[in-house]
Amino acid sequence: SVSFLRLFLEKDWIDYLASTDMGIVLVSDRNMQSLANYWRKHNSAISAVIYNDDGLDVANEKIRQLFIGRYLSFTGGNTLTQ
């Protein structure tokens, strides 16, 4: 995923996904966690981030909460700055 870093630095990809009017859930590995948190913080179209160390139970609970319409406001780890 680090090899695709430049692709995710521009906001075109997130704007394209947001235009579909579907909720966006990012699934992040350890290396991309800070970038995923950045996009979560700066784009309201992203509903949640599932982290590599969340575990199956936590990931399932996040998805369940989203399906019932809850807003997940927490992020884990560091966040990139502008």
Protein backbone atom coordinates (compact mmCIF):
# COMPACT_ATOMS: atom_id res chain seq x y z
CA SER A 1 0.00 0.00 0.00
CA VAL A 2 2.92 2.36 0.51
CA SER A 3 3.64 2.09 -3.22
CA PHE A 4 0.24 3.72 -3.88
CA LEU A 5 0.85 6.59 -1.46
CA ARG A 6 0.88 9.31 -4.14
CA LEU A 7 -2.53 8.21 -5.39
CA PHE A 8 -4.07 8.75 -1.96
CA LEU A 9 -2.42 12.12 -1.32
CA GLU A 10 -4.65 13.86 -3.86
CA LYS A 11 -8.33 14.28 -3.01
CA ASP A 12 -9.63 13.24 -6.45
CA TRP A 13 -10.17 9.64 -5.35
CA ILE A 14 -12.20 10.64 -2.30
CA ASP A 15 -14.26 13.14 -4.31
CA TYR A 16 -15.07 10.41 -6.84
CA LEU A 17 -16.20 7.99 -4.14
CA ALA A 18 -18.16 10.70 -2.32
CA SER A 19 -20.06 11.48 -5.54
CA THR A 20 -21.64 8.01 -5.36
CA ASP A 21 -23.59 9.07 -2.23
CA MET A 22 -22.61 5.87 -0.46
CA GLY A 23 -20.86 5.72 2.90
CA ILE A 24 -17.12 5.25 2.67
CA VAL A 25 -15.28 2.94 5.07
CA LEU A 26 -11.50 2.96 4.83
CA VAL A 27 -9.61 -0.22 5.68
CA SER A 28 -6.08 0.71 6.65
CA ASP A 29 -2.88 -1.18 7.24
CA ARG A 30 -0.33 -0.01 9.81
CA ASN A 31 1.65 2.09 7.32
CA MET A 32 -1.36 4.04 6.03
CA GLN A 33 -3.11 4.60 9.37
CA SER A 34 -2.07 8.26 9.72
CA LEU A 35 -3.22 9.04 6.18
CA ALA A 36 -6.54 7.26 6.75
CA ASN A 37 -7.05 9.31 9.92
CA TYR A 38 -6.26 12.49 7.99
CA TRP A 39 -8.91 11.76 5.38
CA ARG A 40 -11.41 10.73 8.08
CA LYS A 41 -10.84 14.03 9.86
CA HIS A 42 -11.02 16.20 6.73
CA ASN A 43 -13.81 14.57 4.71
CA SER A 44 -17.28 13.96 6.09
CA ALA A 45 -18.02 11.36 3.39
CA ILE A 46 -15.79 8.88 5.23
CA SER A 47 -17.93 7.06 7.77
CA ALA A 48 -15.23 5.08 9.55
CA VAL A 49 -11.74 3.64 9.46
CA ILE A 50 -11.09 -0.02 10.19
CA TYR A 51 -7.52 -0.50 11.37
CA ASN A 52 -5.28 -3.51 10.88
CA ASP A 53 -5.19 -4.22 14.61
CA ASP A 54 -8.93 -3.79 15.26
CA GLY A 55 -9.67 -7.49 15.20
CA LEU A 56 -12.72 -9.14 13.71
CA ASP A 57 -15.06 -8.32 16.61
CA VAL A 58 -14.20 -4.60 16.56
CA ALA A 59 -14.44 -4.38 12.76
CA ASN A 60 -17.82 -6.13 12.81
CA GLU A 61 -19.07 -3.78 15.54
CA LYS A 62 -17.98 -0.70 13.57
CA ILE A 63 -19.81 -1.96 10.49
CA ARG A 64 -22.89 -2.83 12.56
CA GLN A 65 -22.94 0.66 14.08
CA LEU A 66 -22.75 2.22 10.63
CA PHE A 67 -25.60 0.09 9.31
CA ILE A 68 -27.89 1.25 12.11
CA GLY A 69 -27.02 4.87 11.36
CA ARG A 70 -24.59 5.73 14.13
CA TYR A 71 -21.73 8.17 13.58
CA LEU A 72 -18.34 6.78 14.63
CA SER A 73 -16.30 9.69 15.91
CA PHE A 74 -13.18 7.94 17.14
CA THR A 75 -9.89 7.43 15.36
CA GLY A 76 -6.88 5.45 16.45
CA GLY A 77 -3.27 6.51 16.36
CA ASN A 78 -1.67 9.52 14.71
CA THR A 79 -3.09 11.83 12.06
CA LEU A 80 -1.17 13.62 9.31
CA THR A 81 -1.34 17.40 9.23
CA GLN A 82 -1.65 19.69 6.23
